[in-house]
């Protein structure tokens, strides 16, 4: 087993954390006690109030409350009434940022990822540093990656829809 990422890892700017999560091990302990480990292969950065694609751009709401806390917690939300999105909160308290986990080697796409992991709104606010059911571990893996525009955010307009804040690990 590798070492679990600590709070310091998550309390950095989202543009540092999003690519740094690539190649890390996402560990899930299921209700039956079985352990699954996945390699994070795709992420997207959402950077606070100024980023019109970020939910925090409209201010703090009951839905976005966890994003306004310190890094290391999960921000979960439902899209299209059927797909849970799992985001890792980053940065310091009061600086809302999050990394959308878009894929692992076994599942490409954030909805497929959460179905594979069997996570939903019950994981909202989960502390990745201390959780006994989900966390991220370091890896010794050297990672190369490419960047591109984020997916499905045309509503944010320029320049936000074309920011190269999507990170794809080269396999």
C-alpha atoms as a PDB file:
ATOM      1  CA  UNK A   1       0.000   0.000   0.000  1.00  0.00           C
ATOM      2  CA  UNK A   2       1.203   3.493  -0.828  1.00  0.00           C
ATOM      3  CA  UNK A   3       0.948   6.495   1.438  1.00  0.00           C
ATOM      4  CA  UNK A   4      -2.384   8.322   1.603  1.00  0.00           C
ATOM      5  CA  UNK A   5      -2.239  11.916   0.373  1.00  0.00           C
ATOM      6  CA  UNK A   6      -2.293  14.433   3.218  1.00  0.00           C
ATOM      7  CA  UNK A   7      -4.105  17.741   3.609  1.00  0.00           C
ATOM      8  CA  UNK A   8      -1.073  19.715   2.384  1.00  0.00           C
ATOM      9  CA  UNK A   9      -1.343  18.022  -1.034  1.00  0.00           C
ATOM     10  CA  UNK A  10      -4.937  19.245  -1.463  1.00  0.00           C
ATOM     11  CA  UNK A  11      -4.471  22.766  -0.051  1.00  0.00           C
ATOM     12  CA  UNK A  12      -2.650  23.917  -3.190  1.00  0.00           C
ATOM     13  CA  UNK A  13      -4.063  25.714  -6.226  1.00  0.00           C
ATOM     14  CA  UNK A  14      -6.336  23.581  -8.390  1.00  0.00           C
ATOM     15  CA  UNK A  15      -4.045  24.080 -11.405  1.00  0.00           C
ATOM     16  CA  UNK A  16      -1.305  22.274  -9.448  1.00  0.00           C
ATOM     17  CA  UNK A  17      -3.485  19.564  -7.921  1.00  0.00           C
ATOM     18  CA  UNK A  18      -5.432  18.560 -11.075  1.00  0.00           C
ATOM     19  CA  UNK A  19      -2.371  17.327 -13.031  1.00  0.00           C
ATOM     20  CA  UNK A  20      -0.704  16.040  -9.837  1.00  0.00           C
ATOM     21  CA  UNK A  21      -3.633  13.628  -9.269  1.00  0.00           C
ATOM     22  CA  UNK A  22      -2.873  11.834 -12.553  1.00  0.00           C
ATOM     23  CA  UNK A  23      -1.323   8.440 -11.873  1.00  0.00           C
ATOM     24  CA  UNK A  24      -2.345   8.478  -8.203  1.00  0.00           C
ATOM     25  CA  UNK A  25      -4.283   5.530  -6.761  1.00  0.00           C
ATOM     26  CA  UNK A  26      -7.949   6.060  -5.955  1.00  0.00           C
ATOM     27  CA  UNK A  27      -8.878   3.535  -3.251  1.00  0.00           C
ATOM     28  CA  UNK A  28     -12.467   2.503  -2.551  1.00  0.00           C
ATOM     29  CA  UNK A  29     -13.531   0.254   0.332  1.00  0.00           C
ATOM     30  CA  UNK A  30     -16.970  -1.131  -0.497  1.00  0.00           C
ATOM     31  CA  UNK A  31     -19.696  -1.851   2.076  1.00  0.00           C
ATOM     32  CA  UNK A  32     -18.856  -5.582   1.901  1.00  0.00           C
ATOM     33  CA  UNK A  33     -15.242  -4.775   2.868  1.00  0.00           C
ATOM     34  CA  UNK A  34     -13.734  -5.457  -0.551  1.00  0.00           C
ATOM     35  CA  UNK A  35     -10.986  -3.095  -1.690  1.00  0.00           C
ATOM     36  CA  UNK A  36     -10.678  -1.669  -5.198  1.00  0.00           C
ATOM     37  CA  UNK A  37      -7.775   0.472  -6.388  1.00  0.00           C
ATOM     38  CA  UNK A  38      -7.825   2.522  -9.590  1.00  0.00           C
ATOM     39  CA  UNK A  39      -5.280   4.746 -11.348  1.00  0.00           C
ATOM     40  CA  UNK A  40      -6.584   8.277 -11.957  1.00  0.00           C
ATOM     41  CA  UNK A  41      -6.176   9.002 -15.676  1.00  0.00           C
ATOM     42  CA  UNK A  42      -8.186  12.163 -16.392  1.00  0.00           C
ATOM     43  CA  UNK A  43      -9.052  15.316 -14.439  1.00  0.00           C
ATOM     44  CA  UNK A  44     -10.453  18.809 -14.987  1.00  0.00           C
ATOM     45  CA  UNK A  45      -9.763  21.962 -12.967  1.00  0.00           C
ATOM     46  CA  UNK A  46     -12.458  24.415 -11.850  1.00  0.00           C
ATOM     47  CA  UNK A  47     -10.964  27.544 -10.347  1.00  0.00           C
ATOM     48  CA  UNK A  48     -13.171  29.519  -8.015  1.00  0.00           C
ATOM     49  CA  UNK A  49     -15.368  32.559  -8.346  1.00  0.00           C
ATOM     50  CA  UNK A  50     -13.738  33.988 -11.460  1.00  0.00           C
ATOM     51  CA  UNK A  51     -14.150  30.759 -13.485  1.00  0.00           C
ATOM     52  CA  UNK A  52     -17.641  30.912 -15.015  1.00  0.00           C
ATOM     53  CA  UNK A  53     -17.626  27.143 -15.516  1.00  0.00           C
ATOM     54  CA  UNK A  54     -17.128  26.604 -11.768  1.00  0.00           C
ATOM     55  CA  UNK A  55     -20.226  26.204  -9.598  1.00  0.00           C
ATOM     56  CA  UNK A  56     -18.608  28.579  -7.080  1.00  0.00           C
ATOM     57  CA  UNK A  57     -18.813  31.444  -9.589  1.00  0.00           C
ATOM     58  CA  UNK A  58     -22.369  32.099  -8.427  1.00  0.00           C
ATOM     59  CA  UNK A  59     -21.325  32.329  -4.774  1.00  0.00           C
ATOM     60  CA  UNK A  60     -21.739  29.986  -1.848  1.00  0.00           C
ATOM     61  CA  UNK A  61     -24.967  27.996  -1.750  1.00  0.00           C
ATOM     62  CA  UNK A  62     -26.002  24.927   0.243  1.00  0.00           C
ATOM     63  CA  UNK A  63     -24.899  22.859  -2.793  1.00  0.00           C
ATOM     64  CA  UNK A  64     -21.427  24.452  -3.074  1.00  0.00           C
ATOM     65  CA  UNK A  65     -20.713  24.940   0.643  1.00  0.00           C
ATOM     66  CA  UNK A  66     -17.995  22.266   0.786  1.00  0.00           C
ATOM     67  CA  UNK A  67     -16.083  23.954  -2.049  1.00  0.00           C
ATOM     68  CA  UNK A  68     -15.571  27.005   0.165  1.00  0.00           C
ATOM     69  CA  UNK A  69     -13.758  24.938   2.814  1.00  0.00           C
ATOM     70  CA  UNK A  70     -10.176  23.703   2.818  1.00  0.00           C
ATOM     71  CA  UNK A  71      -8.943  21.182   0.288  1.00  0.00           C
ATOM     72  CA  UNK A  72      -9.255  17.427   0.651  1.00  0.00           C
ATOM     73  CA  UNK A  73     -13.028  16.950   0.719  1.00  0.00           C
ATOM     74  CA  UNK A  74     -15.392  15.585  -1.928  1.00  0.00           C
ATOM     75  CA  UNK A  75     -17.906  17.803  -3.716  1.00  0.00           C
ATOM     76  CA  UNK A  76     -20.620  15.626  -5.270  1.00  0.00           C
ATOM     77  CA  UNK A  77     -23.392  16.821  -7.554  1.00  0.00           C
ATOM     78  CA  UNK A  78     -25.934  15.277  -9.909  1.00  0.00           C
ATOM     79  CA  UNK A  79     -26.225  16.184 -13.607  1.00  0.00           C
ATOM     80  CA  UNK A  80     -29.039  15.331 -16.007  1.00  0.00           C
ATOM     81  CA  UNK A  81     -30.842  13.797 -13.029  1.00  0.00           C
ATOM     82  CA  UNK A  82     -28.796  10.606 -13.373  1.00  0.00           C
ATOM     83  CA  UNK A  83     -24.995  11.028 -13.223  1.00  0.00           C
ATOM     84  CA  UNK A  84     -23.070  11.804 -10.042  1.00  0.00           C
ATOM     85  CA  UNK A  85     -19.947  13.914 -10.513  1.00  0.00           C
ATOM     86  CA  UNK A  86     -17.102  13.488  -8.011  1.00  0.00           C
ATOM     87  CA  UNK A  87     -14.863  16.491  -7.391  1.00  0.00           C
ATOM     88  CA  UNK A  88     -11.894  16.909  -5.075  1.00  0.00           C
ATOM     89  CA  UNK A  89     -11.910  20.283  -3.305  1.00  0.00           C
ATOM     90  CA  UNK A  90      -8.540  22.047  -3.408  1.00  0.00           C
ATOM     91  CA  UNK A  91      -6.955  25.198  -2.036  1.00  0.00           C
ATOM     92  CA  UNK A  92      -7.341  27.154   1.162  1.00  0.00           C
ATOM     93  CA  UNK A  93     -10.597  27.837   2.988  1.00  0.00           C
ATOM     94  CA  UNK A  94     -12.591  30.595   1.295  1.00  0.00           C
ATOM     95  CA  UNK A  95     -10.948  29.985  -2.110  1.00  0.00           C
ATOM     96  CA  UNK A  96     -13.441  27.612  -3.798  1.00  0.00           C
ATOM     97  CA  UNK A  97     -11.755  25.291  -6.285  1.00  0.00           C
ATOM     98  CA  UNK A  98     -12.257  21.665  -7.263  1.00  0.00           C
ATOM     99  CA  UNK A  99     -10.899  18.939  -9.524  1.00  0.00           C
ATOM    100  CA  UNK A 100     -13.473  16.896 -11.401  1.00  0.00           C
ATOM    101  CA  UNK A 101     -12.314  13.281 -11.562  1.00  0.00           C
ATOM    102  CA  UNK A 102     -13.136  12.381 -15.180  1.00  0.00           C
ATOM    103  CA  UNK A 103     -11.601   8.946 -15.448  1.00  0.00           C
ATOM    104  CA  UNK A 104      -9.569   5.999 -14.240  1.00  0.00           C
ATOM    105  CA  UNK A 105      -8.095   3.300 -16.459  1.00  0.00           C
ATOM    106  CA  UNK A 106     -11.221   1.151 -16.034  1.00  0.00           C
ATOM    107  CA  UNK A 107     -13.788   3.899 -16.689  1.00  0.00           C
ATOM    108  CA  UNK A 108     -13.615   6.919 -18.976  1.00  0.00           C
ATOM    109  CA  UNK A 109     -16.117   9.634 -18.176  1.00  0.00           C
ATOM    110  CA  UNK A 110     -17.150  11.052 -14.806  1.00  0.00           C
ATOM    111  CA  UNK A 111     -20.567   9.341 -14.729  1.00  0.00           C
ATOM    112  CA  UNK A 112     -19.042   5.951 -15.518  1.00  0.00           C
ATOM    113  CA  UNK A 113     -16.410   6.572 -12.858  1.00  0.00           C
ATOM    114  CA  UNK A 114     -18.931   7.202 -10.082  1.00  0.00           C
ATOM    115  CA  UNK A 115     -21.006   4.159 -11.132  1.00  0.00           C
ATOM    116  CA  UNK A 116     -17.872   1.988 -11.033  1.00  0.00           C
ATOM    117  CA  UNK A 117     -16.972   3.318  -7.588  1.00  0.00           C
ATOM    118  CA  UNK A 118     -20.585   3.187  -6.365  1.00  0.00           C
ATOM    119  CA  UNK A 119     -20.483   6.720  -4.979  1.00  0.00           C
ATOM    120  CA  UNK A 120     -23.326   9.227  -4.808  1.00  0.00           C
ATOM    121  CA  UNK A 121     -24.529  12.166  -2.704  1.00  0.00           C
ATOM    122  CA  UNK A 122     -23.756  10.164   0.440  1.00  0.00           C
ATOM    123  CA  UNK A 123     -20.097  10.986  -0.270  1.00  0.00           C
ATOM    124  CA  UNK A 124     -20.694  14.763  -0.325  1.00  0.00           C
ATOM    125  CA  UNK A 125     -18.198  16.295   2.123  1.00  0.00           C
ATOM    126  CA  UNK A 126     -16.244  13.047   2.573  1.00  0.00           C
ATOM    127  CA  UNK A 127     -12.773  13.809   3.956  1.00  0.00           C
ATOM    128  CA  UNK A 128     -10.223  12.075   1.715  1.00  0.00           C
ATOM    129  CA  UNK A 129      -7.542  12.466   4.393  1.00  0.00           C
ATOM    130  CA  UNK A 130      -9.409  10.446   7.057  1.00  0.00           C
ATOM    131  CA  UNK A 131     -12.181   8.511   5.290  1.00  0.00           C
ATOM    132  CA  UNK A 132     -12.369   4.774   5.844  1.00  0.00           C
ATOM    133  CA  UNK A 133     -14.216   4.214   2.539  1.00  0.00           C
ATOM    134  CA  UNK A 134     -12.457   6.351  -0.117  1.00  0.00           C
ATOM    135  CA  UNK A 135      -9.091   8.102  -0.417  1.00  0.00           C
ATOM    136  CA  UNK A 136      -6.188   8.807  -2.768  1.00  0.00           C
ATOM    137  CA  UNK A 137      -2.732   7.302  -2.356  1.00  0.00           C
ATOM    138  CA  UNK A 138       0.546   8.451  -3.817  1.00  0.00           C
ATOM    139  CA  UNK A 139       2.301   6.389  -6.466  1.00  0.00           C
ATOM    140  CA  UNK A 140       5.855   6.108  -7.667  1.00  0.00           C
ATOM    141  CA  UNK A 141       4.650   6.447 -11.248  1.00  0.00           C
ATOM    142  CA  UNK A 142       6.233   9.044 -13.542  1.00  0.00           C
ATOM    143  CA  UNK A 143       3.352  10.600 -15.437  1.00  0.00           C
ATOM    144  CA  UNK A 144       3.258  12.398 -18.746  1.00  0.00           C
ATOM    145  CA  UNK A 145       0.063  14.084 -19.827  1.00  0.00           C
ATOM    146  CA  UNK A 146      -1.534  16.405 -22.311  1.00  0.00           C
ATOM    147  CA  UNK A 147      -3.981  19.232 -21.741  1.00  0.00           C
ATOM    148  CA  UNK A 148      -7.082  20.368 -23.568  1.00  0.00           C
ATOM    149  CA  UNK A 149     -10.305  22.312 -23.095  1.00  0.00           C
ATOM    150  CA  UNK A 150     -12.795  21.122 -20.507  1.00  0.00           C
ATOM    151  CA  UNK A 151     -15.846  19.163 -21.640  1.00  0.00           C
ATOM    152  CA  UNK A 152     -19.466  20.346 -21.779  1.00  0.00           C
ATOM    153  CA  UNK A 153     -19.035  23.913 -20.558  1.00  0.00           C
ATOM    154  CA  UNK A 154     -19.877  26.020 -23.623  1.00  0.00           C
ATOM    155  CA  UNK A 155     -22.347  27.929 -21.412  1.00  0.00           C
ATOM    156  CA  UNK A 156     -19.363  29.534 -19.611  1.00  0.00           C
ATOM    157  CA  UNK A 157     -18.347  31.456 -22.740  1.00  0.00           C
ATOM    158  CA  UNK A 158     -14.924  32.810 -23.605  1.00  0.00           C
ATOM    159  CA  UNK A 159     -12.282  32.544 -22.301  1.00  0.00           C
ATOM    160  CA  UNK A 160     -13.499  29.889 -19.848  1.00  0.00           C
ATOM    161  CA  UNK A 161     -14.761  27.254 -22.270  1.00  0.00           C
ATOM    162  CA  UNK A 162     -11.385  27.005 -23.987  1.00  0.00           C
ATOM    163  CA  UNK A 163      -9.058  27.055 -20.980  1.00  0.00           C
ATOM    164  CA  UNK A 164      -6.696  24.049 -21.263  1.00  0.00           C
ATOM    165  CA  UNK A 165      -7.659  22.813 -17.810  1.00  0.00           C
ATOM    166  CA  UNK A 166      -8.429  19.212 -18.753  1.00  0.00           C
ATOM    167  CA  UNK A 167      -5.554  16.823 -18.030  1.00  0.00           C
ATOM    168  CA  UNK A 168      -5.210  13.451 -19.767  1.00  0.00           C
ATOM    169  CA  UNK A 169      -2.576  10.965 -18.677  1.00  0.00           C
ATOM    170  CA  UNK A 170      -0.600   9.266 -21.449  1.00  0.00           C
ATOM    171  CA  UNK A 171      -0.819   5.527 -21.056  1.00  0.00           C
END
